[in-house]
Each structure stands twice: as C-alpha cells, then as structure tokens.
Amino acid sequence: MKKLVFFLLLVFLGASLFAQVTTTTTTDAWGNTVTTYKDQYGHTLGTSTSTTDAWGNTVTTYKDSNGHSAGTSTSSTNAWGNTVTTYKDSKGHVSGTSTSSTDSWGATNTTYKNNKGQTTATSTTNTNVYGEKKTTYKKK
C-alpha cells in the first residue's frame, strides 16, 4: 500500500507541482496504453499500463523503476457520470479511492479517500484558454 501511494504521489504531484516529471505515452502491440514516468535527469521512475476490461472499466497496473508491481487501479463511471477509481496495493488490498466530476465551468474536481473512507485530499484541475492544465491539491 505504501509503495502504491508513494508512487502515485510522486508521479502525479511531481508532474503537477514541480513539472520535473515527464511522461511518454505509447500503445503496445495489444492496444494497451503504456506510460513511462521520468525525472528531470531522464531516469525512469516507473510505468503504468492501462487497458479496458470486459465491463468497460479502465484497469491500470503500476510498476516501479525496477519493474516490480506497485499496485493497480480500476476506474469506472457511476450512474451520475462521475469517474470512480479504486486503488489497490501490490498485494491486492484496497488502499483508497478517488471520485472525479466535471463542473459546469469545465473544472475537474476530485476527492481522494483512504481505505477507511475518510477524505484525505481534494484537487481541482482547470484548463486555460491556451489548453494548459493547472491542478491545485488540498490536503485534508
């Protein structure tokens, strides 16, 4: 669980707050989306591979820089059109969830919860007129 949380925080917060993490996204021979995360020196921090399962959910597996499993996430759309993601550690235990919705101004609002259902953070992502995204994180 700690590995997955650390990996996700490193990648997403690093990319958003410090712009020192770069991502390269490709499609492999099976149609999966493979994203490689690198630091400002070009060292690989980890990878994620996303695919769609038989129910239309997006399943993503995360690996650290050594290729070891860091965990998985499964995203689906609920009845209200929100994206609900469940994160699991490398042993398959639920480590947390996130729920994202888009408001009438086009901002994406996300609430993060731990495995006990307690809100741990929120984020808001806005896109400006130039297509640049800015994400603001708030820890609870």
Protein backbone atom coordinates (compact mmCIF):
# COMPACT_ATOMS: atom_id res chain seq x y z
CA MET A 1 0.00 0.00 0.00
CA LYS A 2 2.77 2.44 0.89
CA LYS A 3 4.52 1.70 -2.42
CA LEU A 4 1.43 2.50 -4.47
CA VAL A 5 0.60 5.64 -2.53
CA PHE A 6 4.20 6.84 -2.74
CA PHE A 7 4.38 6.05 -6.46
CA LEU A 8 1.12 7.83 -7.23
CA LEU A 9 2.05 10.86 -5.14
CA LEU A 10 5.49 11.02 -6.70
CA VAL A 11 4.18 10.84 -10.23
CA PHE A 12 1.03 12.93 -10.05
CA LEU A 13 2.13 15.57 -7.58
CA GLY A 14 5.58 15.76 -9.11
CA ALA A 15 4.16 16.23 -12.58
CA SER A 16 1.63 18.80 -11.47
CA LEU A 17 3.50 20.81 -8.87
CA PHE A 18 7.09 20.76 -9.99
CA ALA A 19 6.87 19.94 -13.70
CA GLN A 20 10.00 17.83 -13.26
CA VAL A 21 8.38 14.53 -14.14
CA THR A 22 7.88 13.88 -17.82
CA THR A 23 5.56 11.30 -19.26
CA THR A 24 5.74 9.41 -22.51
CA THR A 25 2.63 7.55 -23.62
CA THR A 26 2.60 4.84 -26.26
CA THR A 27 0.34 1.99 -27.35
CA ASP A 28 1.76 -1.51 -27.19
CA ALA A 29 1.10 -4.40 -29.59
CA TRP A 30 -2.01 -5.45 -27.61
CA GLY A 31 -3.59 -1.99 -27.69
CA ASN A 32 -2.73 -1.13 -24.09
CA THR A 33 -1.71 2.39 -23.16
CA VAL A 34 1.78 2.38 -21.64
CA THR A 35 3.01 5.49 -19.84
CA THR A 36 6.62 5.90 -18.71
CA TYR A 37 7.42 8.44 -15.99
CA LYS A 38 10.90 10.00 -15.93
CA ASP A 39 12.55 12.57 -13.71
CA GLN A 40 14.31 15.69 -14.96
CA TYR A 41 17.52 13.68 -15.49
CA GLY A 42 15.85 11.08 -17.70
CA HIS A 43 15.80 8.31 -15.08
CA THR A 44 12.71 6.11 -15.20
CA LEU A 45 10.61 6.43 -12.05
CA GLY A 46 8.05 3.86 -13.09
CA THR A 47 5.49 2.83 -15.65
CA SER A 48 1.76 2.34 -15.88
CA THR A 49 -0.13 0.15 -18.31
CA SER A 50 -3.83 0.76 -18.90
CA THR A 51 -6.34 -1.46 -20.61
CA THR A 52 -10.11 -1.79 -20.78
CA ASP A 53 -11.70 -4.87 -19.23
CA ALA A 54 -14.79 -6.74 -20.40
CA TRP A 55 -17.07 -4.40 -18.40
CA GLY A 56 -15.63 -1.21 -19.87
CA ASN A 57 -13.56 -0.32 -16.79
CA THR A 58 -10.06 1.10 -17.20
CA VAL A 59 -7.59 -1.12 -15.34
CA THR A 60 -4.12 0.30 -14.76
CA THR A 61 -1.12 -1.55 -13.38
CA TYR A 62 1.75 0.43 -11.88
CA LYS A 63 5.37 -0.72 -11.73
CA ASP A 64 8.34 0.92 -10.05
CA SER A 65 11.67 1.66 -11.70
CA ASN A 66 12.79 -1.94 -11.15
CA GLY A 67 9.72 -3.38 -12.82
CA HIS A 68 8.16 -4.58 -9.56
CA SER A 69 4.43 -4.22 -9.06
CA ALA A 70 3.45 -1.10 -7.13
CA GLY A 71 -0.29 -1.68 -7.38
CA THR A 72 -3.32 -1.30 -9.60
CA SER A 73 -6.27 0.99 -10.10
CA THR A 74 -9.66 0.37 -11.64
CA SER A 75 -11.73 3.27 -12.98
CA SER A 76 -15.37 3.23 -13.96
CA THR A 77 -18.19 5.70 -14.49
CA ASN A 78 -21.01 5.63 -11.97
CA ALA A 79 -24.71 6.38 -12.53
CA TRP A 80 -24.12 10.13 -12.06
CA GLY A 81 -21.36 10.28 -14.68
CA ASN A 82 -18.55 10.60 -12.14
CA THR A 83 -15.31 8.66 -12.55
CA VAL A 84 -14.72 6.42 -9.56
CA THR A 85 -11.26 4.89 -9.14
CA THR A 86 -10.26 2.21 -6.65
CA TYR A 87 -6.55 1.85 -5.85
CA LYS A 88 -5.04 -1.42 -4.65
CA ASP A 89 -1.56 -2.13 -3.39
CA SER A 90 0.71 -4.82 -4.81
CA LYS A 91 -0.97 -7.44 -2.58
CA GLY A 92 -4.46 -6.56 -3.82
CA HIS A 93 -5.64 -4.71 -0.72
CA VAL A 94 -7.71 -1.56 -1.30
CA SER A 95 -5.60 1.44 -0.31
CA GLY A 96 -8.00 4.18 -1.33
CA THR A 97 -10.46 5.63 -3.81
CA SER A 98 -10.99 8.79 -5.77
CA THR A 99 -14.11 10.28 -7.30
CA SER A 100 -13.86 12.85 -10.10
CA SER A 101 -16.57 15.02 -11.56
CA THR A 102 -16.62 17.90 -14.01
CA ASP A 103 -18.48 21.04 -13.02
CA SER A 104 -20.40 23.40 -15.29
CA TRP A 105 -17.26 25.53 -15.88
CA GLY A 106 -15.27 22.52 -17.10
CA ALA A 107 -13.13 22.11 -13.99
CA THR A 108 -12.45 18.56 -12.83
CA ASN A 109 -12.92 18.15 -9.08
CA THR A 110 -11.51 15.06 -7.40
CA THR A 111 -11.93 13.79 -3.86
CA TYR A 112 -9.42 11.24 -2.52
CA LYS A 113 -10.30 8.88 0.30
CA ASN A 114 -8.27 6.34 2.24
CA ASN A 115 -9.27 2.71 2.76
CA LYS A 116 -11.44 3.74 5.74
CA GLY A 117 -13.49 6.12 3.61
CA GLN A 118 -12.01 9.26 5.17
CA THR A 119 -11.33 12.17 2.81
CA THR A 120 -7.57 12.75 2.67
CA ALA A 121 -7.28 15.33 -0.12
CA THR A 122 -9.07 17.13 -2.91
CA SER A 123 -7.89 18.52 -6.22
CA THR A 124 -9.24 20.83 -8.88
CA THR A 125 -7.94 20.83 -12.44
CA ASN A 126 -8.65 23.78 -14.71
CA THR A 127 -7.68 24.30 -18.34
CA ASN A 128 -6.93 27.84 -19.50
CA VAL A 129 -7.63 29.33 -22.92
CA TYR A 130 -4.23 28.08 -24.16
CA GLY A 131 -5.04 24.48 -23.29
CA GLU A 132 -2.67 24.43 -20.31
CA LYS A 133 -3.85 22.47 -17.29
CA LYS A 134 -3.32 23.58 -13.71
CA THR A 135 -4.11 21.32 -10.79
CA THR A 136 -4.47 22.57 -7.23
CA TYR A 137 -4.20 19.98 -4.46
CA LYS A 138 -5.51 20.44 -0.91
CA LYS A 139 -4.62 18.00 1.83
CA LYS A 140 -7.28 17.47 4.49
